[in-house]
Amino acid sequence: MAEKACRKCMRIIVTPDASRRKSKKGEAAVDEKPPVCELCNSSDLSDEWSGLLIILDPKKSEISQKVGAEIPGNYALRVR
């Protein structure tokens, strides 16, 4: 599994590894949809991110209010 960060909302998304998607010999290749962010439905994801912010309770967290995170989850601090 690979972790990518959404460039729009900074949410970290776990995506299937590309090497595991190969079809077995004799089977047709399966067309898979590109990964999208569950939070904002953006497909603009990046492998290059740094810093990890884990939000458990956004209503009680001052940091989540500063970064605008309204839903619990893992967020990147910087996405390139």
PDB file of N, CA and C in Angstrom:
ATOM      1  N   MET A   1       0.838  -1.177   0.000  1.00  0.00           N
ATOM      2  CA  MET A   1       0.000   0.000   0.000  1.00  0.00           C
ATOM      3  C   MET A   1       0.886   1.244   0.000  1.00  0.00           C
ATOM      4  N   ALA A   2       0.456   2.226  -0.742  1.00  0.00           N
ATOM      5  CA  ALA A   2       1.180   3.483  -0.839  1.00  0.00           C
ATOM      6  C   ALA A   2       0.322   4.590  -0.234  1.00  0.00           C
ATOM      7  N   GLU A   3       0.973   5.544   0.381  1.00  0.00           N
ATOM      8  CA  GLU A   3       0.259   6.677   0.951  1.00  0.00           C
ATOM      9  C   GLU A   3       0.487   7.895   0.070  1.00  0.00           C
ATOM     10  N   LYS A   4      -0.607   8.563  -0.290  1.00  0.00           N
ATOM     11  CA  LYS A   4      -0.547   9.776  -1.088  1.00  0.00           C
ATOM     12  C   LYS A   4      -1.311  10.855  -0.341  1.00  0.00           C
ATOM     13  N   ALA A   5      -0.958  12.101  -0.612  1.00  0.00           N
ATOM     14  CA  ALA A   5      -1.633  13.225   0.022  1.00  0.00           C
ATOM     15  C   ALA A   5      -2.392  14.020  -1.028  1.00  0.00           C
ATOM     16  N   CYS A   6      -3.581  14.432  -0.681  1.00  0.00           N
ATOM     17  CA  CYS A   6      -4.404  15.248  -1.558  1.00  0.00           C
ATOM     18  C   CYS A   6      -3.856  16.676  -1.554  1.00  0.00           C
ATOM     19  N   ARG A   7      -3.645  17.228  -2.728  1.00  0.00           N
ATOM     20  CA  ARG A   7      -3.118  18.596  -2.815  1.00  0.00           C
ATOM     21  C   ARG A   7      -4.168  19.634  -2.431  1.00  0.00           C
ATOM     22  N   LYS A   8      -5.425  19.272  -2.491  1.00  0.00           N
ATOM     23  CA  LYS A   8      -6.506  20.223  -2.196  1.00  0.00           C
ATOM     24  C   LYS A   8      -6.797  20.326  -0.701  1.00  0.00           C
ATOM     25  N   CYS A   9      -7.003  19.172  -0.027  1.00  0.00           N
ATOM     26  CA  CYS A   9      -7.408  19.204   1.390  1.00  0.00           C
ATOM     27  C   CYS A   9      -6.335  18.661   2.335  1.00  0.00           C
ATOM     28  N   MET A  10      -5.204  18.164   1.794  1.00  0.00           N
ATOM     29  CA  MET A  10      -4.059  17.674   2.563  1.00  0.00           C
ATOM     30  C   MET A  10      -4.313  16.326   3.253  1.00  0.00           C
ATOM     31  N   ARG A  11      -5.432  15.693   3.003  1.00  0.00           N
ATOM     32  CA  ARG A  11      -5.747  14.402   3.612  1.00  0.00           C
ATOM     33  C   ARG A  11      -4.847  13.315   3.038  1.00  0.00           C
ATOM     34  N   ILE A  12      -4.379  12.396   3.872  1.00  0.00           N
ATOM     35  CA  ILE A  12      -3.539  11.295   3.418  1.00  0.00           C
ATOM     36  C   ILE A  12      -4.435  10.123   3.053  1.00  0.00           C
ATOM     37  N   ILE A  13      -4.224   9.598   1.840  1.00  0.00           N
ATOM     38  CA  ILE A  13      -5.031   8.529   1.282  1.00  0.00           C
ATOM     39  C   ILE A  13      -4.142   7.305   1.093  1.00  0.00           C
ATOM     40  N   VAL A  14      -4.626   6.138   1.494  1.00  0.00           N
ATOM     41  CA  VAL A  14      -3.898   4.888   1.280  1.00  0.00           C
ATOM     42  C   VAL A  14      -4.398   4.297  -0.033  1.00  0.00           C
ATOM     43  N   THR A  15      -3.462   4.087  -0.981  1.00  0.00           N
ATOM     44  CA  THR A  15      -3.813   3.558  -2.294  1.00  0.00           C
ATOM     45  C   THR A  15      -3.152   2.203  -2.504  1.00  0.00           C
ATOM     46  N   PRO A  16      -3.747   1.363  -3.341  1.00  0.00           N
ATOM     47  CA  PRO A  16      -3.121   0.063  -3.635  1.00  0.00           C
ATOM     48  C   PRO A  16      -1.785   0.267  -4.344  1.00  0.00           C
ATOM     49  N   ASP A  17      -0.841  -0.619  -4.084  1.00  0.00           N
ATOM     50  CA  ASP A  17       0.480  -0.552  -4.699  1.00  0.00           C
ATOM     51  C   ASP A  17       0.373  -0.961  -6.165  1.00  0.00           C
ATOM     52  N   ALA A  18       1.026  -0.237  -7.059  1.00  0.00           N
ATOM     53  CA  ALA A  18       0.946  -0.507  -8.500  1.00  0.00           C
ATOM     54  C   ALA A  18       1.530  -1.865  -8.854  1.00  0.00           C
ATOM     55  N   SER A  19       2.528  -2.337  -8.132  1.00  0.00           N
ATOM     56  CA  SER A  19       3.147  -3.619  -8.458  1.00  0.00           C
ATOM     57  C   SER A  19       2.216  -4.792  -8.178  1.00  0.00           C
ATOM     58  N   ARG A  20       1.243  -4.626  -7.306  1.00  0.00           N
ATOM     59  CA  ARG A  20       0.298  -5.701  -6.981  1.00  0.00           C
ATOM     60  C   ARG A  20      -0.880  -5.746  -7.935  1.00  0.00           C
ATOM     61  N   ARG A  21      -1.019  -4.745  -8.794  1.00  0.00           N
ATOM     62  CA  ARG A  21      -2.148  -4.683  -9.702  1.00  0.00           C
ATOM     63  C   ARG A  21      -1.931  -5.484 -10.976  1.00  0.00           C
ATOM     64  N   LYS A  22      -0.765  -6.058 -11.164  1.00  0.00           N
ATOM     65  CA  LYS A  22      -0.489  -6.810 -12.380  1.00  0.00           C
ATOM     66  C   LYS A  22      -1.387  -8.042 -12.446  1.00  0.00           C
ATOM     67  N   SER A  23      -1.860  -8.316 -13.646  1.00  0.00           N
ATOM     68  CA  SER A  23      -2.734  -9.472 -13.815  1.00  0.00           C
ATOM     69  C   SER A  23      -1.900 -10.743 -13.921  1.00  0.00           C
ATOM     70  N   LYS A  24      -2.513 -11.860 -13.586  1.00  0.00           N
ATOM     71  CA  LYS A  24      -1.844 -13.151 -13.698  1.00  0.00           C
ATOM     72  C   LYS A  24      -1.749 -13.544 -15.165  1.00  0.00           C
ATOM     73  N   LYS A  25      -0.860 -14.438 -15.455  1.00  0.00           N
ATOM     74  CA  LYS A  25      -0.646 -14.871 -16.834  1.00  0.00           C
ATOM     75  C   LYS A  25      -1.948 -15.460 -17.397  1.00  0.00           C
ATOM     76  N   GLY A  26      -2.314 -14.990 -18.576  1.00  0.00           N
ATOM     77  CA  GLY A  26      -3.512 -15.491 -19.220  1.00  0.00           C
ATOM     78  C   GLY A  26      -4.774 -14.725 -18.875  1.00  0.00           C
ATOM     79  N   GLU A  27      -4.723 -13.815 -17.908  1.00  0.00           N
ATOM     80  CA  GLU A  27      -5.898 -13.038 -17.535  1.00  0.00           C
ATOM     81  C   GLU A  27      -5.827 -11.663 -18.176  1.00  0.00           C
ATOM     82  N   ALA A  28      -6.964 -11.126 -18.482  1.00  0.00           N
ATOM     83  CA  ALA A  28      -7.015  -9.781 -19.053  1.00  0.00           C
ATOM     84  C   ALA A  28      -6.704  -8.756 -17.969  1.00  0.00           C
ATOM     85  N   ALA A  29      -6.018  -7.697 -18.346  1.00  0.00           N
ATOM     86  CA  ALA A  29      -5.706  -6.632 -17.396  1.00  0.00           C
ATOM     87  C   ALA A  29      -6.999  -5.910 -17.020  1.00  0.00           C
ATOM     88  N   VAL A  30      -7.120  -5.565 -15.763  1.00  0.00           N
ATOM     89  CA  VAL A  30      -8.314  -4.893 -15.255  1.00  0.00           C
ATOM     90  C   VAL A  30      -8.061  -3.389 -15.254  1.00  0.00           C
ATOM     91  N   ASP A  31      -8.964  -2.640 -15.864  1.00  0.00           N
ATOM     92  CA  ASP A  31      -8.845  -1.183 -15.843  1.00  0.00           C
ATOM     93  C   ASP A  31      -9.321  -0.683 -14.490  1.00  0.00           C
ATOM     94  N   GLU A  32      -8.392  -0.114 -13.737  1.00  0.00           N
ATOM     95  CA  GLU A  32      -8.741   0.412 -12.420  1.00  0.00           C
ATOM     96  C   GLU A  32      -8.841   1.919 -12.491  1.00  0.00           C
ATOM     97  N   LYS A  33      -9.764   2.467 -11.735  1.00  0.00           N
ATOM     98  CA  LYS A  33      -9.934   3.908 -11.685  1.00  0.00           C
ATOM     99  C   LYS A  33      -8.789   4.515 -10.896  1.00  0.00           C
ATOM    100  N   PRO A  34      -8.364   5.722 -11.260  1.00  0.00           N
ATOM    101  CA  PRO A  34      -7.317   6.381 -10.471  1.00  0.00           C
ATOM    102  C   PRO A  34      -7.842   6.692  -9.073  1.00  0.00           C
ATOM    103  N   PRO A  35      -6.967   6.672  -8.084  1.00  0.00           N
ATOM    104  CA  PRO A  35      -7.431   6.947  -6.712  1.00  0.00           C
ATOM    105  C   PRO A  35      -7.924   8.382  -6.570  1.00  0.00           C
ATOM    106  N   VAL A  36      -8.913   8.554  -5.728  1.00  0.00           N
ATOM    107  CA  VAL A  36      -9.451   9.888  -5.439  1.00  0.00           C
ATOM    108  C   VAL A  36      -9.549  10.068  -3.925  1.00  0.00           C
ATOM    109  N   CYS A  37      -9.529  11.291  -3.495  1.00  0.00           N
ATOM    110  CA  CYS A  37      -9.651  11.627  -2.076  1.00  0.00           C
ATOM    111  C   CYS A  37     -11.088  11.399  -1.632  1.00  0.00           C
ATOM    112  N   GLU A  38     -11.269  10.687  -0.521  1.00  0.00           N
ATOM    113  CA  GLU A  38     -12.615  10.429  -0.002  1.00  0.00           C
ATOM    114  C   GLU A  38     -13.262  11.691   0.544  1.00  0.00           C
ATOM    115  N   LEU A  39     -12.447  12.653   0.938  1.00  0.00           N
ATOM    116  CA  LEU A  39     -12.963  13.850   1.583  1.00  0.00           C
ATOM    117  C   LEU A  39     -13.467  14.885   0.578  1.00  0.00           C
ATOM    118  N   CYS A  40     -12.649  15.192  -0.438  1.00  0.00           N
ATOM    119  CA  CYS A  40     -13.020  16.259  -1.374  1.00  0.00           C
ATOM    120  C   CYS A  40     -13.217  15.771  -2.807  1.00  0.00           C
ATOM    121  N   ASN A  41     -13.073  14.468  -3.044  1.00  0.00           N
ATOM    122  CA  ASN A  41     -13.246  13.847  -4.368  1.00  0.00           C
ATOM    123  C   ASN A  41     -12.269  14.358  -5.416  1.00  0.00           C
ATOM    124  N   SER A  42     -11.124  14.863  -4.998  1.00  0.00           N
ATOM    125  CA  SER A  42     -10.100  15.322  -5.923  1.00  0.00           C
ATOM    126  C   SER A  42      -9.205  14.149  -6.315  1.00  0.00           C
ATOM    127  N   SER A  43      -8.762  14.134  -7.567  1.00  0.00           N
ATOM    128  CA  SER A  43      -7.820  13.105  -8.009  1.00  0.00           C
ATOM    129  C   SER A  43      -6.402  13.657  -8.088  1.00  0.00           C
ATOM    130  N   ASP A  44      -6.195  14.872  -7.605  1.00  0.00           N
ATOM    131  CA  ASP A  44      -4.879  15.500  -7.605  1.00  0.00           C
ATOM    132  C   ASP A  44      -4.123  15.079  -6.343  1.00  0.00           C
ATOM    133  N   LEU A  45      -3.509  13.886  -6.402  1.00  0.00           N
ATOM    134  CA  LEU A  45      -2.795  13.312  -5.259  1.00  0.00           C
ATOM    135  C   LEU A  45      -1.294  13.325  -5.521  1.00  0.00           C
ATOM    136  N   SER A  46      -0.510  13.420  -4.470  1.00  0.00           N
ATOM    137  CA  SER A  46       0.939  13.488  -4.595  1.00  0.00           C
ATOM    138  C   SER A  46       1.613  12.459  -3.707  1.00  0.00           C
ATOM    139  N   ASP A  47       2.716  11.899  -4.231  1.00  0.00           N
ATOM    140  CA  ASP A  47       3.558  11.002  -3.433  1.00  0.00           C
ATOM    141  C   ASP A  47       4.515  11.780  -2.552  1.00  0.00           C
ATOM    142  N   GLU A  48       4.724  13.044  -2.875  1.00  0.00           N
ATOM    143  CA  GLU A  48       5.701  13.861  -2.165  1.00  0.00           C
ATOM    144  C   GLU A  48       4.999  14.745  -1.140  1.00  0.00           C
ATOM    145  N   TRP A  49       5.030  14.283   0.096  1.00  0.00           N
ATOM    146  CA  TRP A  49       4.440  15.046   1.189  1.00  0.00           C
ATOM    147  C   TRP A  49       5.307  14.862   2.429  1.00  0.00           C
ATOM    148  N   SER A  50       5.161  15.778   3.382  1.00  0.00           N
ATOM    149  CA  SER A  50       5.934  15.670   4.616  1.00  0.00           C
ATOM    150  C   SER A  50       5.098  16.172   5.784  1.00  0.00           C
ATOM    151  N   GLY A  51       5.457  15.721   6.965  1.00  0.00           N
ATOM    152  CA  GLY A  51       4.742  16.090   8.177  1.00  0.00           C
ATOM    153  C   GLY A  51       3.437  15.334   8.300  1.00  0.00           C
ATOM    154  N   LEU A  52       3.166  14.822   9.477  1.00  0.00           N
ATOM    155  CA  LEU A  52       1.952  14.042   9.703  1.00  0.00           C
ATOM    156  C   LEU A  52       1.175  14.651  10.859  1.00  0.00           C
ATOM    157  N   LEU A  53      -0.074  14.978  10.584  1.00  0.00           N
ATOM    158  CA  LEU A  53      -0.977  15.519  11.589  1.00  0.00           C
ATOM    159  C   LEU A  53      -2.133  14.541  11.725  1.00  0.00           C
ATOM    160  N   ILE A  54      -2.311  13.987  12.917  1.00  0.00           N
ATOM    161  CA  ILE A  54      -3.391  13.033  13.163  1.00  0.00           C
ATOM    162  C   ILE A  54      -4.461  13.737  13.993  1.00  0.00           C
ATOM    163  N   ILE A  55      -5.643  13.855  13.422  1.00  0.00           N
ATOM    164  CA  ILE A  55      -6.763  14.524  14.088  1.00  0.00           C
ATOM    165  C   ILE A  55      -7.715  13.454  14.606  1.00  0.00           C
ATOM    166  N   LEU A  56      -7.924  13.424  15.919  1.00  0.00           N
ATOM    167  CA  LEU A  56      -8.853  12.468  16.515  1.00  0.00           C
ATOM    168  C   LEU A  56     -10.215  13.096  16.788  1.00  0.00           C
ATOM    169  N   ASP A  57     -10.224  14.288  17.362  1.00  0.00           N
ATOM    170  CA  ASP A  57     -11.467  14.975  17.690  1.00  0.00           C
ATOM    171  C   ASP A  57     -11.350  16.430  17.224  1.00  0.00           C
ATOM    172  N   PRO A  58     -11.777  16.731  16.006  1.00  0.00           N
ATOM    173  CA  PRO A  58     -11.582  18.071  15.459  1.00  0.00           C
ATOM    174  C   PRO A  58     -12.317  19.174  16.211  1.00  0.00           C
ATOM    175  N   LYS A  59     -13.400  18.854  16.880  1.00  0.00           N
ATOM    176  CA  LYS A  59     -14.147  19.890  17.601  1.00  0.00           C
ATOM    177  C   LYS A  59     -13.408  20.380  18.839  1.00  0.00           C
ATOM    178  N   LYS A  60     -12.579  19.513  19.438  1.00  0.00           N
ATOM    179  CA  LYS A  60     -11.845  19.886  20.640  1.00  0.00           C
ATOM    180  C   LYS A  60     -10.397  20.286  20.355  1.00  0.00           C
ATOM    181  N   SER A  61      -9.933  20.100  19.128  1.00  0.00           N
ATOM    182  CA  SER A  61      -8.544  20.344  18.783  1.00  0.00           C
ATOM    183  C   SER A  61      -8.339  21.764  18.250  1.00  0.00           C
ATOM    184  N   GLU A  62      -7.446  22.510  18.881  1.00  0.00           N
ATOM    185  CA  GLU A  62      -7.131  23.856  18.413  1.00  0.00           C
ATOM    186  C   GLU A  62      -6.355  23.804  17.098  1.00  0.00           C
ATOM    187  N   ILE A  63      -5.507  22.807  16.940  1.00  0.00           N
ATOM    188  CA  ILE A  63      -4.715  22.680  15.713  1.00  0.00           C
ATOM    189  C   ILE A  63      -5.615  22.378  14.521  1.00  0.00           C
ATOM    190  N   SER A  64      -6.594  21.503  14.693  1.00  0.00           N
ATOM    191  CA  SER A  64      -7.484  21.181  13.574  1.00  0.00           C
ATOM    192  C   SER A  64      -8.282  22.411  13.146  1.00  0.00           C
ATOM    193  N   GLN A  65      -8.625  23.273  14.091  1.00  0.00           N
ATOM    194  CA  GLN A  65      -9.335  24.494  13.751  1.00  0.00           C
ATOM    195  C   GLN A  65      -8.429  25.454  12.974  1.00  0.00           C
ATOM    196  N   LYS A  66      -7.138  25.477  13.320  1.00  0.00           N
ATOM    197  CA  LYS A  66      -6.204  26.359  12.611  1.00  0.00           C
ATOM    198  C   LYS A  66      -5.957  25.895  11.181  1.00  0.00           C
ATOM    199  N   VAL A  67      -5.892  24.583  10.960  1.00  0.00           N
ATOM    200  CA  VAL A  67      -5.637  24.070   9.609  1.00  0.00           C
ATOM    201  C   VAL A  67      -6.930  23.826   8.838  1.00  0.00           C
ATOM    202  N   GLY A  68      -8.064  23.932   9.485  1.00  0.00           N
ATOM    203  CA  GLY A  68      -9.354  23.772   8.805  1.00  0.00           C
ATOM    204  C   GLY A  68      -9.803  22.333   8.630  1.00  0.00           C
ATOM    205  N   ALA A  69      -9.285  21.411   9.434  1.00  0.00           N
ATOM    206  CA  ALA A  69      -9.679  20.005   9.353  1.00  0.00           C
ATOM    207  C   ALA A  69     -10.937  19.792  10.184  1.00  0.00           C
ATOM    208  N   GLU A  70     -12.019  19.395   9.527  1.00  0.00           N
ATOM    209  CA  GLU A  70     -13.285  19.200  10.210  1.00  0.00           C
ATOM    210  C   GLU A  70     -13.630  17.737  10.424  1.00  0.00           C
ATOM    211  N   ILE A  71     -12.860  16.828   9.800  1.00  0.00           N
ATOM    212  CA  ILE A  71     -13.127  15.394   9.882  1.00  0.00           C
ATOM    213  C   ILE A  71     -11.897  14.700  10.447  1.00  0.00           C
ATOM    214  N   PRO A  72     -12.064  13.755  11.381  1.00  0.00           N
ATOM    215  CA  PRO A  72     -10.914  13.033  11.926  1.00  0.00           C
ATOM    216  C   PRO A  72     -10.164  12.281  10.825  1.00  0.00           C
ATOM    217  N   GLY A  73      -8.856  12.184  10.979  1.00  0.00           N
ATOM    218  CA  GLY A  73      -8.048  11.449  10.005  1.00  0.00           C
ATOM    219  C   GLY A  73      -6.604  11.899  10.018  1.00  0.00           C
ATOM    220  N   ASN A  74      -5.846  11.413   9.045  1.00  0.00           N
ATOM    221  CA  ASN A  74      -4.433  11.759   8.898  1.00  0.00           C
ATOM    222  C   ASN A  74      -4.296  12.821   7.822  1.00  0.00           C
ATOM    223  N   TYR A  75      -3.504  13.859   8.114  1.00  0.00           N
ATOM    224  CA  TYR A  75      -3.301  14.970   7.197  1.00  0.00           C
ATOM    225  C   TYR A  75      -1.822  15.247   7.052  1.00  0.00           C
ATOM    226  N   ALA A  76      -1.422  15.702   5.868  1.00  0.00           N
ATOM    227  CA  ALA A  76      -0.048  16.111   5.619  1.00  0.00           C
ATOM    228  C   ALA A  76       0.092  17.591   5.956  1.00  0.00           C
ATOM    229  N   LEU A  77       1.275  17.984   6.418  1.00  0.00           N
ATOM    230  CA  LEU A  77       1.519  19.381   6.697  1.00  0.00           C
ATOM    231  C   LEU A  77       1.990  20.124   5.448  1.00  0.00           C
ATOM    232  N   ARG A  78       2.714  19.416   4.575  1.00  0.00           N
ATOM    233  CA  ARG A  78       3.199  20.015   3.332  1.00  0.00           C
ATOM    234  C   ARG A  78       3.056  19.000   2.200  1.00  0.00           C
ATOM    235  N   VAL A  79       2.502  19.431   1.081  1.00  0.00           N
ATOM    236  CA  VAL A  79       2.344  18.575  -0.097  1.00  0.00           C
ATOM    237  C   VAL A  79       2.989  19.286  -1.273  1.00  0.00           C
ATOM    238  N   ARG A  80       3.834  18.564  -2.000  1.00  0.00           N
ATOM    239  CA  ARG A  80       4.505  19.157  -3.175  1.00  0.00           C
ATOM    240  C   ARG A  80       3.861  18.659  -4.427  1.00  0.00           C
TER     241      ARG A  80
END
